[in-house]
Amino acid sequence: MKIGPESPKPQWTPKILLRYVLLQLPSQALVVLGLVVVRRWVDLPPWFFWSCIVCWILKDVILFPFVWRAYDWDRAGNADSMVGLRGTAVERLAPAGYVRVRGELWRAETLAARRPIKVGEPVTVLGSRGLTLLVETERGEAGHEYKKIEGGGNEG
């Protein structure tokens, strides 16, 4: 059940996939080199040699869906770029808790001191203080307009 509008979920691109593959090549080369060196001293059957290589590649294929965001350097974690995005409260914000924005979990504080934000309630990002997002409900109970709140990245 979708509670409210949420920002679109980021997707991986061919550029991210290429970056991931290129950064996995050195470890793949070390595995092959290690197997070749071991094969000089121990009589490894060819099926074992190739099975190790295939398993190493499968490991990278299986892990990619879980780690691809770390290879998305173009969309780095600049919290100020998130101003105006919508998300959902994952925890009760009274006044602090966690929200999900763009599919990522962020620590957040509400600007509305009157009423806590409930789990599942839609929120809008108004700014940031360090790595903490400053949010309010989409009804705007804090009485602020949706503008960038200067919080800087060095406070905290």
C-alpha atoms as a PDB file:
ATOM      1  CA  MET A   1       0.000   0.000   0.000  1.00  0.00           C
ATOM      2  CA  LYS A   2       1.480   3.304  -1.072  1.00  0.00           C
ATOM      3  CA  ILE A   3       0.879   5.956   1.582  1.00  0.00           C
ATOM      4  CA  GLY A   4       1.779   9.039  -0.407  1.00  0.00           C
ATOM      5  CA  PRO A   5       3.860  10.387  -3.240  1.00  0.00           C
ATOM      6  CA  GLU A   6       7.489   9.472  -2.956  1.00  0.00           C
ATOM      7  CA  SER A   7      10.460  10.446  -5.047  1.00  0.00           C
ATOM      8  CA  PRO A   8      11.305   8.043  -7.871  1.00  0.00           C
ATOM      9  CA  LYS A   9      13.544   5.132  -6.997  1.00  0.00           C
ATOM     10  CA  PRO A  10      17.019   5.524  -8.534  1.00  0.00           C
ATOM     11  CA  GLN A  11      18.012   2.937 -11.117  1.00  0.00           C
ATOM     12  CA  TRP A  12      21.427   1.756 -12.223  1.00  0.00           C
ATOM     13  CA  THR A  13      22.682   2.794 -15.640  1.00  0.00           C
ATOM     14  CA  PRO A  14      25.046   1.125 -18.122  1.00  0.00           C
ATOM     15  CA  LYS A  15      27.712   3.598 -16.987  1.00  0.00           C
ATOM     16  CA  ILE A  16      27.403   2.311 -13.403  1.00  0.00           C
ATOM     17  CA  LEU A  17      27.525  -1.306 -14.617  1.00  0.00           C
ATOM     18  CA  LEU A  18      30.661  -0.589 -16.679  1.00  0.00           C
ATOM     19  CA  ARG A  19      32.291   1.114 -13.686  1.00  0.00           C
ATOM     20  CA  TYR A  20      31.454  -1.903 -11.492  1.00  0.00           C
ATOM     21  CA  VAL A  21      32.819  -4.404 -14.025  1.00  0.00           C
ATOM     22  CA  LEU A  22      36.035  -2.446 -14.567  1.00  0.00           C
ATOM     23  CA  LEU A  23      36.631  -2.194 -10.827  1.00  0.00           C
ATOM     24  CA  GLN A  24      36.107  -5.954 -10.427  1.00  0.00           C
ATOM     25  CA  LEU A  25      38.709  -6.850 -13.086  1.00  0.00           C
ATOM     26  CA  PRO A  26      41.786  -6.502 -10.820  1.00  0.00           C
ATOM     27  CA  SER A  27      40.369  -8.944  -8.268  1.00  0.00           C
ATOM     28  CA  GLN A  28      39.383 -11.330 -11.065  1.00  0.00           C
ATOM     29  CA  ALA A  29      42.921 -11.128 -12.455  1.00  0.00           C
ATOM     30  CA  LEU A  30      44.373 -11.883  -9.004  1.00  0.00           C
ATOM     31  CA  VAL A  31      42.143 -14.948  -8.639  1.00  0.00           C
ATOM     32  CA  VAL A  32      43.224 -16.267 -12.047  1.00  0.00           C
ATOM     33  CA  LEU A  33      46.883 -15.515 -11.274  1.00  0.00           C
ATOM     34  CA  GLY A  34      46.583 -17.225  -7.882  1.00  0.00           C
ATOM     35  CA  LEU A  35      45.015 -20.302  -9.451  1.00  0.00           C
ATOM     36  CA  VAL A  36      47.753 -20.457 -12.100  1.00  0.00           C
ATOM     37  CA  VAL A  37      50.456 -20.250  -9.409  1.00  0.00           C
ATOM     38  CA  VAL A  38      48.754 -22.926  -7.271  1.00  0.00           C
ATOM     39  CA  ARG A  39      48.382 -25.100 -10.364  1.00  0.00           C
ATOM     40  CA  ARG A  40      52.181 -25.097 -10.780  1.00  0.00           C
ATOM     41  CA  TRP A  41      52.617 -26.837  -7.398  1.00  0.00           C
ATOM     42  CA  VAL A  42      49.392 -28.807  -7.135  1.00  0.00           C
ATOM     43  CA  ASP A  43      47.767 -30.776  -9.889  1.00  0.00           C
ATOM     44  CA  LEU A  44      44.397 -29.011 -10.060  1.00  0.00           C
ATOM     45  CA  PRO A  45      41.892 -30.513 -12.454  1.00  0.00           C
ATOM     46  CA  PRO A  46      40.749 -28.093 -15.182  1.00  0.00           C
ATOM     47  CA  TRP A  47      37.128 -28.272 -13.982  1.00  0.00           C
ATOM     48  CA  PHE A  48      38.196 -26.958 -10.555  1.00  0.00           C
ATOM     49  CA  PHE A  49      40.217 -24.129 -12.122  1.00  0.00           C
ATOM     50  CA  TRP A  50      37.278 -22.985 -14.273  1.00  0.00           C
ATOM     51  CA  SER A  51      34.730 -23.524 -11.480  1.00  0.00           C
ATOM     52  CA  CYS A  52      36.651 -21.128  -9.243  1.00  0.00           C
ATOM     53  CA  ILE A  53      36.657 -18.476 -11.965  1.00  0.00           C
ATOM     54  CA  VAL A  54      32.942 -18.933 -12.698  1.00  0.00           C
ATOM     55  CA  CYS A  55      32.095 -18.776  -8.974  1.00  0.00           C
ATOM     56  CA  TRP A  56      34.094 -15.548  -8.622  1.00  0.00           C
ATOM     57  CA  ILE A  57      32.187 -13.981 -11.535  1.00  0.00           C
ATOM     58  CA  LEU A  58      28.847 -15.221 -10.132  1.00  0.00           C
ATOM     59  CA  LYS A  59      29.719 -13.600  -6.812  1.00  0.00           C
ATOM     60  CA  ASP A  60      30.085 -10.250  -8.583  1.00  0.00           C
ATOM     61  CA  VAL A  61      26.825 -10.721 -10.494  1.00  0.00           C
ATOM     62  CA  ILE A  62      24.920 -11.615  -7.317  1.00  0.00           C
ATOM     63  CA  LEU A  63      26.351  -8.699  -5.314  1.00  0.00           C
ATOM     64  CA  PHE A  64      25.751  -6.009  -7.978  1.00  0.00           C
ATOM     65  CA  PRO A  65      22.072  -5.322  -7.087  1.00  0.00           C
ATOM     66  CA  PHE A  66      23.090  -4.730  -3.473  1.00  0.00           C
ATOM     67  CA  VAL A  67      26.151  -2.518  -4.027  1.00  0.00           C
ATOM     68  CA  TRP A  68      25.516  -0.586  -7.258  1.00  0.00           C
ATOM     69  CA  ARG A  69      24.635   2.638  -5.406  1.00  0.00           C
ATOM     70  CA  ALA A  70      28.227   2.825  -4.158  1.00  0.00           C
ATOM     71  CA  TYR A  71      29.346   3.038  -7.800  1.00  0.00           C
ATOM     72  CA  ASP A  72      26.908   5.852  -8.638  1.00  0.00           C
ATOM     73  CA  TRP A  73      29.349   8.714  -8.141  1.00  0.00           C
ATOM     74  CA  ASP A  74      27.354  11.160 -10.257  1.00  0.00           C
ATOM     75  CA  ARG A  75      24.499  11.172  -7.755  1.00  0.00           C
ATOM     76  CA  ALA A  76      26.646  11.598  -4.690  1.00  0.00           C
ATOM     77  CA  GLY A  77      25.124  12.212  -1.269  1.00  0.00           C
ATOM     78  CA  ASN A  78      24.834  15.996  -1.430  1.00  0.00           C
ATOM     79  CA  ALA A  79      21.972  16.480   0.985  1.00  0.00           C
ATOM     80  CA  ASP A  80      21.228  19.989  -0.321  1.00  0.00           C
ATOM     81  CA  SER A  81      20.357  18.467  -3.683  1.00  0.00           C
ATOM     82  CA  MET A  82      17.507  16.706  -1.894  1.00  0.00           C
ATOM     83  CA  VAL A  83      15.630  19.894  -1.001  1.00  0.00           C
ATOM     84  CA  GLY A  84      12.074  19.593  -2.261  1.00  0.00           C
ATOM     85  CA  LEU A  85      12.134  15.802  -2.591  1.00  0.00           C
ATOM     86  CA  ARG A  86       9.384  13.772  -1.005  1.00  0.00           C
ATOM     87  CA  GLY A  87       9.728  10.748   1.199  1.00  0.00           C
ATOM     88  CA  THR A  88       8.000   8.669   3.824  1.00  0.00           C
ATOM     89  CA  ALA A  89       8.550   8.500   7.571  1.00  0.00           C
ATOM     90  CA  VAL A  90       9.932   5.103   8.528  1.00  0.00           C
ATOM     91  CA  GLU A  91      10.005   5.968  12.231  1.00  0.00           C
ATOM     92  CA  ARG A  92       7.976   8.362  14.318  1.00  0.00           C
ATOM     93  CA  LEU A  93       9.664  11.773  14.139  1.00  0.00           C
ATOM     94  CA  ALA A  94       9.307  13.428  17.541  1.00  0.00           C
ATOM     95  CA  PRO A  95      11.314  15.475  16.624  1.00  0.00           C
ATOM     96  CA  ALA A  96      13.938  13.094  15.147  1.00  0.00           C
ATOM     97  CA  GLY A  97      13.739   9.723  13.440  1.00  0.00           C
ATOM     98  CA  TYR A  98      14.280   8.134  10.049  1.00  0.00           C
ATOM     99  CA  VAL A  99      12.710   8.777   6.643  1.00  0.00           C
ATOM    100  CA  ARG A 100      13.054   7.052   3.283  1.00  0.00           C
ATOM    101  CA  VAL A 101      13.871   9.397   0.395  1.00  0.00           C
ATOM    102  CA  ARG A 102      14.849   8.146  -3.096  1.00  0.00           C
ATOM    103  CA  GLY A 103      14.882   4.615  -1.724  1.00  0.00           C
ATOM    104  CA  GLU A 104      17.518   5.483   0.898  1.00  0.00           C
ATOM    105  CA  LEU A 105      17.173   5.695   4.671  1.00  0.00           C
ATOM    106  CA  TRP A 106      18.080   9.116   6.159  1.00  0.00           C
ATOM    107  CA  ARG A 107      18.131  10.521   9.676  1.00  0.00           C
ATOM    108  CA  ALA A 108      15.658  13.383   9.816  1.00  0.00           C
ATOM    109  CA  GLU A 109      14.291  16.043  12.142  1.00  0.00           C
ATOM    110  CA  THR A 110      10.917  17.679  11.889  1.00  0.00           C
ATOM    111  CA  LEU A 111      10.551  21.419  11.980  1.00  0.00           C
ATOM    112  CA  ALA A 112       6.987  21.199  13.278  1.00  0.00           C
ATOM    113  CA  ALA A 113       7.280  21.129  17.062  1.00  0.00           C
ATOM    114  CA  ARG A 114       3.499  20.943  17.519  1.00  0.00           C
ATOM    115  CA  ARG A 115       2.889  17.409  16.370  1.00  0.00           C
ATOM    116  CA  PRO A 116       5.166  14.413  15.726  1.00  0.00           C
ATOM    117  CA  ILE A 117       5.193  12.857  12.266  1.00  0.00           C
ATOM    118  CA  LYS A 118       3.741   9.348  12.275  1.00  0.00           C
ATOM    119  CA  VAL A 119       5.159   6.247  10.577  1.00  0.00           C
ATOM    120  CA  GLY A 120       4.142   6.104   6.915  1.00  0.00           C
ATOM    121  CA  GLU A 121       3.281   9.792   6.714  1.00  0.00           C
ATOM    122  CA  PRO A 122       4.585  11.607   3.607  1.00  0.00           C
ATOM    123  CA  VAL A 123       7.250  14.260   4.216  1.00  0.00           C
ATOM    124  CA  THR A 124       9.048  16.909   2.165  1.00  0.00           C
ATOM    125  CA  VAL A 125      12.741  17.748   2.586  1.00  0.00           C
ATOM    126  CA  LEU A 126      13.269  21.437   3.418  1.00  0.00           C
ATOM    127  CA  GLY A 127      17.013  21.399   4.038  1.00  0.00           C
ATOM    128  CA  SER A 128      19.775  19.678   5.924  1.00  0.00           C
ATOM    129  CA  ARG A 129      21.995  20.035   8.956  1.00  0.00           C
ATOM    130  CA  GLY A 130      25.081  17.947   8.352  1.00  0.00           C
ATOM    131  CA  LEU A 131      23.793  14.532   7.310  1.00  0.00           C
ATOM    132  CA  THR A 132      20.409  15.047   8.978  1.00  0.00           C
ATOM    133  CA  LEU A 133      17.513  16.069   6.735  1.00  0.00           C
ATOM    134  CA  LEU A 134      15.106  18.752   7.929  1.00  0.00           C
ATOM    135  CA  VAL A 135      11.584  17.708   6.962  1.00  0.00           C
ATOM    136  CA  GLU A 136       7.952  18.515   7.542  1.00  0.00           C
ATOM    137  CA  THR A 137       4.696  16.874   6.591  1.00  0.00           C
ATOM    138  CA  GLU A 138       3.378  17.654   3.156  1.00  0.00           C
ATOM    139  CA  ARG A 139       0.570  19.658   4.761  1.00  0.00           C
ATOM    140  CA  GLY A 140       3.256  22.118   5.849  1.00  0.00           C
ATOM    141  CA  GLU A 141       2.337  22.304   9.541  1.00  0.00           C
ATOM    142  CA  ALA A 142       5.607  24.013  10.380  1.00  0.00           C
ATOM    143  CA  GLY A 143       4.333  27.098   8.600  1.00  0.00           C
ATOM    144  CA  HIS A 144       7.352  27.319   6.304  1.00  0.00           C
ATOM    145  CA  GLU A 145       7.302  27.739   2.578  1.00  0.00           C
ATOM    146  CA  TYR A 146       9.132  25.094   0.598  1.00  0.00           C
ATOM    147  CA  LYS A 147      12.465  26.834   0.231  1.00  0.00           C
ATOM    148  CA  LYS A 148      16.042  25.856   0.917  1.00  0.00           C
ATOM    149  CA  ILE A 149      16.904  26.121   4.585  1.00  0.00           C
ATOM    150  CA  GLU A 150      20.511  27.036   5.137  1.00  0.00           C
ATOM    151  CA  GLY A 151      21.952  24.375   7.377  1.00  0.00           C
ATOM    152  CA  GLY A 152      25.380  23.899   5.906  1.00  0.00           C
ATOM    153  CA  GLY A 153      27.234  20.634   5.864  1.00  0.00           C
ATOM    154  CA  ASN A 154      29.518  21.301   8.817  1.00  0.00           C
ATOM    155  CA  GLU A 155      27.008  21.658  11.621  1.00  0.00           C
ATOM    156  CA  GLY A 156      25.889  18.763  13.655  1.00  0.00           C
END
